[in-house]
């Protein structure tokens, strides 16, 4: 997919889907991993399972590796959570972990419908609280991104950090769908689209 590929991870409720939507709106190649790559399977073998346990929410490793190997666009952002990220994390040029304090995370989860994972089931909420405390479900060496900031600022920071990993000029796959050129929160515009960093 991209000459440069980045993984955006985080606990449920940290904003991975919103970040992916915003990257797409700005014209970047971004993949909703939880929609396009995920299935229920054994995180070690990849064999499909019939249950819906959190620890069996995995991505198709071969598909991730194939998408990364395709260099048709300048960069691709893979957004979502996977319990088997250790099987493919080595193919990414950078890894970002969306981070929130527990109070903000709980407030976001409170706004979810009960039918959505983490929305209303106490057992899911207890698991999220434990994972927040232990960070056992997250890549250890990822760059932490403060996801409590407004969405535009969160995405600006991810793009700024990506430029520090690889300072190649921004080469989006298409212009933003609203004609907006990315800029900082004050509205300052930079033709490079990286917020002037």
Protein backbone atom coordinates (compact mmCIF):
# COMPACT_ATOMS: atom_id res chain seq x y z
CA UNK A 1 0.00 0.00 0.00
CA UNK A 2 2.61 2.53 0.98
CA UNK A 3 6.29 3.20 0.58
CA UNK A 4 6.04 4.06 4.28
CA UNK A 5 3.60 2.25 6.56
CA UNK A 6 2.46 3.17 10.05
CA UNK A 7 0.41 1.34 12.67
CA UNK A 8 -1.99 3.30 14.89
CA UNK A 9 -2.96 1.23 17.95
CA UNK A 10 -4.73 1.93 21.22
CA UNK A 11 -7.32 0.57 23.59
CA UNK A 12 -11.00 0.55 22.68
CA UNK A 13 -12.31 4.09 22.96
CA UNK A 14 -9.04 5.91 22.35
CA UNK A 15 -10.10 7.12 18.89
CA UNK A 16 -8.54 4.80 16.31
CA UNK A 17 -11.62 4.83 14.07
CA UNK A 18 -11.96 8.61 14.27
CA UNK A 19 -8.26 9.07 13.48
CA UNK A 20 -8.59 6.76 10.48
CA UNK A 21 -11.62 8.69 9.21
CA UNK A 22 -9.77 12.00 9.61
CA UNK A 23 -6.68 10.72 7.80
CA UNK A 24 -8.90 9.56 4.92
CA UNK A 25 -10.70 12.92 4.89
CA UNK A 26 -7.32 14.64 4.55
CA UNK A 27 -6.45 12.45 1.57
CA UNK A 28 -4.17 9.91 3.20
CA UNK A 29 -4.34 6.17 2.55
CA UNK A 30 -5.72 4.79 5.81
CA UNK A 31 -7.05 1.31 6.51
CA UNK A 32 -9.67 0.51 9.14
CA UNK A 33 -7.94 -2.63 10.36
CA UNK A 34 -10.79 -3.65 12.65
CA UNK A 35 -13.17 -3.63 9.67
CA UNK A 36 -10.93 -4.68 6.79
CA UNK A 37 -8.34 -7.03 8.32
CA UNK A 38 -9.84 -8.43 11.53
CA UNK A 39 -11.43 -11.75 12.36
CA UNK A 40 -11.74 -13.99 15.41
CA UNK A 41 -8.80 -16.38 15.57
CA UNK A 42 -5.98 -17.83 17.61
CA UNK A 43 -3.32 -15.10 17.98
CA UNK A 44 -0.48 -17.65 17.74
CA UNK A 45 -1.63 -19.84 14.85
CA UNK A 46 -4.12 -17.59 13.06
CA UNK A 47 -6.64 -20.42 12.95
CA UNK A 48 -10.22 -19.06 13.03
CA UNK A 49 -12.20 -19.52 16.24
CA UNK A 50 -15.94 -19.57 16.88
CA UNK A 51 -15.89 -17.27 19.89
CA UNK A 52 -15.90 -13.51 20.29
CA UNK A 53 -13.30 -13.24 23.05
CA UNK A 54 -11.23 -10.07 23.07
CA UNK A 55 -7.95 -11.97 22.94
CA UNK A 56 -9.08 -13.63 19.69
CA UNK A 57 -9.58 -10.33 17.83
CA UNK A 58 -6.71 -10.63 15.34
CA UNK A 59 -5.68 -9.37 11.93
CA UNK A 60 -4.87 -11.48 8.90
CA UNK A 61 -1.06 -11.47 8.98
CA UNK A 62 -0.58 -12.46 5.34
CA UNK A 63 -2.94 -9.70 4.21
CA UNK A 64 -1.15 -7.08 6.35
CA UNK A 65 2.21 -8.13 4.94
CA UNK A 66 0.88 -8.12 1.36
CA UNK A 67 -0.61 -4.62 1.76
CA UNK A 68 2.64 -3.30 3.20
CA UNK A 69 4.65 -4.90 0.37
CA UNK A 70 2.61 -3.01 -2.23
CA UNK A 71 4.35 0.38 -2.63
CA UNK A 72 1.75 2.07 -4.88
CA UNK A 73 1.26 5.07 -2.59
CA UNK A 74 3.64 7.16 -0.52
CA UNK A 75 2.32 6.15 2.88
CA UNK A 76 -0.40 4.10 4.51
CA UNK A 77 -1.77 4.22 8.03
CA UNK A 78 -3.19 0.98 9.48
CA UNK A 79 -5.63 1.89 12.28
CA UNK A 80 -7.05 -0.54 14.80
CA UNK A 81 -6.34 -3.02 17.53
CA UNK A 82 -5.07 -6.54 17.06
CA UNK A 83 -4.10 -9.16 19.59
CA UNK A 84 -1.52 -10.59 17.18
CA UNK A 85 0.32 -7.37 16.27
CA UNK A 86 3.60 -9.01 17.32
CA UNK A 87 3.32 -11.20 14.20
CA UNK A 88 3.57 -8.22 11.83
CA UNK A 89 4.74 -5.14 13.75
CA UNK A 90 8.21 -5.51 12.19
CA UNK A 91 6.90 -4.39 8.77
CA UNK A 92 5.89 -0.92 9.97
CA UNK A 93 8.10 2.15 9.71
CA UNK A 94 6.50 3.57 12.84
CA UNK A 95 3.97 2.64 15.50
CA UNK A 96 1.73 5.14 17.27
CA UNK A 97 -0.27 4.33 20.41
CA UNK A 98 -3.27 6.51 21.19
CA UNK A 99 -3.26 7.17 24.93
CA UNK A 100 -5.93 8.51 27.29
CA UNK A 101 -6.40 8.88 31.00
CA UNK A 102 -8.90 6.39 32.43
CA UNK A 103 -11.54 9.03 33.24
CA UNK A 104 -11.65 10.30 29.65
CA UNK A 105 -11.60 6.75 28.31
CA UNK A 106 -14.57 5.79 30.50
CA UNK A 107 -16.47 8.90 29.41
CA UNK A 108 -15.99 7.94 25.76
CA UNK A 109 -17.03 4.36 26.41
CA UNK A 110 -20.13 5.59 28.29
CA UNK A 111 -21.22 7.28 25.05
CA UNK A 112 -21.07 3.99 23.11
CA UNK A 113 -24.23 1.96 22.57
CA UNK A 114 -24.46 -1.16 24.72
CA UNK A 115 -24.22 -3.31 21.59
CA UNK A 116 -20.76 -1.93 20.72
CA UNK A 117 -17.70 -3.54 22.33
CA UNK A 118 -16.85 -1.75 25.58
CA UNK A 119 -20.16 0.09 25.56
CA UNK A 120 -22.22 -1.33 28.34
CA UNK A 121 -21.12 -4.79 29.41
CA UNK A 122 -19.40 -4.68 32.82
CA UNK A 123 -17.05 -7.55 31.95
CA UNK A 124 -15.78 -5.65 28.87
CA UNK A 125 -15.38 -2.43 30.85
CA UNK A 126 -13.47 -4.26 33.58
CA UNK A 127 -11.15 -5.75 30.94
CA UNK A 128 -10.53 -2.32 29.38
CA UNK A 129 -9.71 -0.86 32.81
CA UNK A 130 -7.25 -3.70 33.47
CA UNK A 131 -5.64 -3.29 30.04
CA UNK A 132 -5.37 0.45 30.64
CA UNK A 133 -3.51 -0.21 33.88
CA UNK A 134 -1.21 -2.96 32.55
CA UNK A 135 -0.80 -1.82 28.91
CA UNK A 136 -0.35 -5.52 28.10
CA UNK A 137 -2.43 -5.25 24.92
CA UNK A 138 -0.35 -2.46 23.37
CA UNK A 139 2.94 -2.29 21.48
CA UNK A 140 5.63 -1.47 24.04
CA UNK A 141 7.84 0.66 21.81
CA UNK A 142 5.11 2.71 20.13
CA UNK A 143 5.16 6.51 20.15
CA UNK A 144 2.52 7.69 22.62
CA UNK A 145 0.01 10.16 21.22
CA UNK A 146 -2.19 12.14 23.62
CA UNK A 147 -5.65 11.21 22.33
CA UNK A 148 -7.44 13.57 24.74
CA UNK A 149 -6.70 16.50 22.42
CA UNK A 150 -9.19 17.48 19.70
CA UNK A 151 -9.16 15.04 16.77
CA UNK A 152 -7.48 17.45 14.36
CA UNK A 153 -4.62 17.98 16.81
CA UNK A 154 -4.24 14.25 17.40
CA UNK A 155 -3.90 13.64 13.66
CA UNK A 156 -1.55 16.62 13.27
CA UNK A 157 0.69 15.11 15.97
CA UNK A 158 0.69 11.69 14.29
CA UNK A 159 1.69 13.30 11.00
CA UNK A 160 4.36 15.41 12.73
CA UNK A 161 5.81 12.31 14.37
CA UNK A 162 5.68 10.39 11.07
CA UNK A 163 7.75 13.17 9.44
CA UNK A 164 10.35 12.78 12.17
CA UNK A 165 10.60 9.06 11.36
CA UNK A 166 10.84 9.79 7.62
CA UNK A 167 11.13 13.45 6.56
CA UNK A 168 10.18 12.73 2.93
CA UNK A 169 7.68 15.39 1.76
CA UNK A 170 3.98 14.65 2.20
CA UNK A 171 2.64 12.80 -0.82
CA UNK A 172 -1.02 12.14 -0.11
CA UNK A 173 -2.97 9.79 -2.34
CA UNK A 174 -5.52 12.50 -3.13
CA UNK A 175 -6.39 16.03 -1.98
CA UNK A 176 -8.56 16.36 1.13
CA UNK A 177 -12.23 15.94 0.27
CA UNK A 178 -13.17 19.41 1.51
CA UNK A 179 -10.26 21.33 0.03
CA UNK A 180 -8.79 21.81 3.51
CA UNK A 181 -5.02 21.98 3.63
CA UNK A 182 -3.81 20.50 6.89
CA UNK A 183 -2.65 23.06 9.39
CA UNK A 184 -2.34 23.63 13.07
CA UNK A 185 -5.23 24.22 15.44
CA UNK A 186 -5.03 27.99 14.90
CA UNK A 187 -5.85 27.56 11.22
CA UNK A 188 -2.30 28.27 9.98
CA UNK A 189 -1.98 26.49 6.66
CA UNK A 190 1.09 24.85 5.25
CA UNK A 191 1.12 23.73 1.63
CA UNK A 192 3.10 20.65 2.57
CA UNK A 193 0.06 19.49 4.55
CA UNK A 194 2.04 18.54 7.65
CA UNK A 195 1.07 21.47 9.86
CA UNK A 196 4.33 23.29 9.25
CA UNK A 197 6.61 20.87 11.03
